[in-house]
C-alpha atoms as a PDB file:
ATOM      1  CA  UNK A   1      -7.355   0.972 100.507  1.00  0.00           C
ATOM      2  CA  UNK A   2      -8.710  -2.516 100.109  1.00  0.00           C
ATOM      3  CA  UNK A   3     -11.995  -3.948 101.304  1.00  0.00           C
ATOM      4  CA  UNK A   4     -10.419  -5.401 104.458  1.00  0.00           C
ATOM      5  CA  UNK A   5     -10.284  -8.971 103.196  1.00  0.00           C
ATOM      6  CA  UNK A   6      -6.470  -9.069 103.212  1.00  0.00           C
ATOM      7  CA  UNK A   7      -3.521  -6.845 103.967  1.00  0.00           C
ATOM      8  CA  UNK A   8      -1.573  -6.060 100.809  1.00  0.00           C
ATOM      9  CA  UNK A   9       2.078  -6.933 100.420  1.00  0.00           C
ATOM     10  CA  UNK A  10       4.057  -3.682 100.254  1.00  0.00           C
ATOM     11  CA  UNK A  11       7.068  -3.134  98.001  1.00  0.00           C
ATOM     12  CA  UNK A  12       9.430  -0.143  98.205  1.00  0.00           C
ATOM     13  CA  UNK A  13      11.074   0.275  94.800  1.00  0.00           C
ATOM     14  CA  UNK A  14      13.710   2.684  93.485  1.00  0.00           C
ATOM     15  CA  UNK A  15      11.932   4.550  90.672  1.00  0.00           C
ATOM     16  CA  UNK A  16      15.047   4.964  88.523  1.00  0.00           C
ATOM     17  CA  UNK A  17      16.656   1.535  88.806  1.00  0.00           C
ATOM     18  CA  UNK A  18      13.340  -0.252  89.481  1.00  0.00           C
ATOM     19  CA  UNK A  19      15.152  -2.392  92.055  1.00  0.00           C
ATOM     20  CA  UNK A  20      13.288  -3.528  95.167  1.00  0.00           C
ATOM     21  CA  UNK A  21      14.647  -1.702  98.220  1.00  0.00           C
ATOM     22  CA  UNK A  22      12.421  -3.449 100.772  1.00  0.00           C
ATOM     23  CA  UNK A  23       9.188  -5.405 100.968  1.00  0.00           C
ATOM     24  CA  UNK A  24       6.794  -6.476 103.700  1.00  0.00           C
ATOM     25  CA  UNK A  25       4.485  -9.446 103.463  1.00  0.00           C
ATOM     26  CA  UNK A  26       0.797  -8.788 103.914  1.00  0.00           C
ATOM     27  CA  UNK A  27       0.492 -12.219 105.558  1.00  0.00           C
ATOM     28  CA  UNK A  28      -2.455 -13.116 103.373  1.00  0.00           C
ATOM     29  CA  UNK A  29      -4.387 -16.315 104.084  1.00  0.00           C
ATOM     30  CA  UNK A  30      -6.284 -16.626 100.804  1.00  0.00           C
ATOM     31  CA  UNK A  31      -6.094 -15.548  97.192  1.00  0.00           C
ATOM     32  CA  UNK A  32      -8.740 -14.784  94.610  1.00  0.00           C
ATOM     33  CA  UNK A  33      -8.419 -16.856  91.443  1.00  0.00           C
ATOM     34  CA  UNK A  34     -10.438 -17.088  88.256  1.00  0.00           C
ATOM     35  CA  UNK A  35     -12.186 -20.401  87.672  1.00  0.00           C
ATOM     36  CA  UNK A  36     -12.441 -21.940  84.183  1.00  0.00           C
ATOM     37  CA  UNK A  37     -16.003 -20.574  83.849  1.00  0.00           C
ATOM     38  CA  UNK A  38     -14.812 -17.029  84.680  1.00  0.00           C
ATOM     39  CA  UNK A  39     -16.178 -16.791  88.219  1.00  0.00           C
ATOM     40  CA  UNK A  40     -13.941 -15.733  91.119  1.00  0.00           C
ATOM     41  CA  UNK A  41     -12.945 -18.228  93.774  1.00  0.00           C
ATOM     42  CA  UNK A  42     -11.249 -17.760  97.152  1.00  0.00           C
ATOM     43  CA  UNK A  43      -8.498 -20.321  97.637  1.00  0.00           C
ATOM     44  CA  UNK A  44      -6.489 -20.808 100.805  1.00  0.00           C
ATOM     45  CA  UNK A  45      -2.811 -19.967 100.479  1.00  0.00           C
ATOM     46  CA  UNK A  46      -0.651 -22.775 101.896  1.00  0.00           C
ATOM     47  CA  UNK A  47       1.045 -21.659 105.154  1.00  0.00           C
ATOM     48  CA  UNK A  48       4.573 -21.906 103.682  1.00  0.00           C
ATOM     49  CA  UNK A  49       3.615 -19.374 100.941  1.00  0.00           C
ATOM     50  CA  UNK A  50       1.826 -16.792 103.123  1.00  0.00           C
ATOM     51  CA  UNK A  51       4.923 -14.713 103.821  1.00  0.00           C
ATOM     52  CA  UNK A  52       6.726 -15.387 100.547  1.00  0.00           C
ATOM     53  CA  UNK A  53       7.210 -12.759  97.853  1.00  0.00           C
ATOM     54  CA  UNK A  54       4.159 -13.267  95.631  1.00  0.00           C
ATOM     55  CA  UNK A  55       5.373 -11.553  92.459  1.00  0.00           C
ATOM     56  CA  UNK A  56       8.815 -11.793  90.893  1.00  0.00           C
ATOM     57  CA  UNK A  57      11.344  -9.026  90.241  1.00  0.00           C
ATOM     58  CA  UNK A  58      10.467  -8.738  86.537  1.00  0.00           C
ATOM     59  CA  UNK A  59       6.795  -8.235  87.437  1.00  0.00           C
ATOM     60  CA  UNK A  60       7.726  -5.628  90.060  1.00  0.00           C
ATOM     61  CA  UNK A  61       9.811  -3.761  87.471  1.00  0.00           C
ATOM     62  CA  UNK A  62       6.886  -3.773  85.010  1.00  0.00           C
ATOM     63  CA  UNK A  63       4.478  -2.445  87.658  1.00  0.00           C
ATOM     64  CA  UNK A  64       7.049   0.235  88.561  1.00  0.00           C
ATOM     65  CA  UNK A  65       7.405   1.191  84.874  1.00  0.00           C
ATOM     66  CA  UNK A  66       3.633   1.555  84.540  1.00  0.00           C
ATOM     67  CA  UNK A  67       3.451   3.524  87.796  1.00  0.00           C
ATOM     68  CA  UNK A  68       6.129   5.939  86.562  1.00  0.00           C
ATOM     69  CA  UNK A  69       4.163   6.555  83.346  1.00  0.00           C
ATOM     70  CA  UNK A  70       0.970   7.222  85.325  1.00  0.00           C
ATOM     71  CA  UNK A  71       2.866   9.571  87.667  1.00  0.00           C
ATOM     72  CA  UNK A  72       4.346  11.406  84.689  1.00  0.00           C
ATOM     73  CA  UNK A  73       0.891  11.774  83.110  1.00  0.00           C
ATOM     74  CA  UNK A  74      -0.753  13.192  86.266  1.00  0.00           C
ATOM     75  CA  UNK A  75       2.289  15.126  87.466  1.00  0.00           C
ATOM     76  CA  UNK A  76       2.387  13.516  90.916  1.00  0.00           C
ATOM     77  CA  UNK A  77       2.512  10.031  92.489  1.00  0.00           C
ATOM     78  CA  UNK A  78      -0.704   8.008  92.245  1.00  0.00           C
ATOM     79  CA  UNK A  79      -2.067   5.059  94.183  1.00  0.00           C
ATOM     80  CA  UNK A  80      -2.547   2.229  91.703  1.00  0.00           C
ATOM     81  CA  UNK A  81      -4.666  -0.885  91.897  1.00  0.00           C
ATOM     82  CA  UNK A  82      -3.732  -3.630  89.498  1.00  0.00           C
ATOM     83  CA  UNK A  83      -4.222  -7.285  88.708  1.00  0.00           C
ATOM     84  CA  UNK A  84      -2.072  -9.764  86.881  1.00  0.00           C
ATOM     85  CA  UNK A  85      -3.561 -12.148  84.337  1.00  0.00           C
ATOM     86  CA  UNK A  86      -1.482 -14.487  82.160  1.00  0.00           C
ATOM     87  CA  UNK A  87       1.632 -12.697  83.433  1.00  0.00           C
ATOM     88  CA  UNK A  88       0.362  -9.327  82.139  1.00  0.00           C
ATOM     89  CA  UNK A  89      -0.370  -6.326  84.386  1.00  0.00           C
ATOM     90  CA  UNK A  90      -3.709  -4.510  84.109  1.00  0.00           C
ATOM     91  CA  UNK A  91      -4.618  -1.324  85.955  1.00  0.00           C
ATOM     92  CA  UNK A  92      -8.027  -1.256  87.585  1.00  0.00           C
END
């Protein structure tokens, strides 16, 4: 789970085709961003973006690809926590 600061956006993705089947907005009101000095800042998400898809299809496919590799390694589905920095996915 998360620390209760925001509800995550949920994506249901076909593992083989990596196509999004469905998604549900987490209705987040703020985002955490990295400042130029490296500290973390909470910034308000503009109301018109709060229910929008916050990652694109290519990023979803990359996260799905990584998730499939992790599942293959452990032999069963895993809950993953990740961040994106400079359009690159990192597992936490």
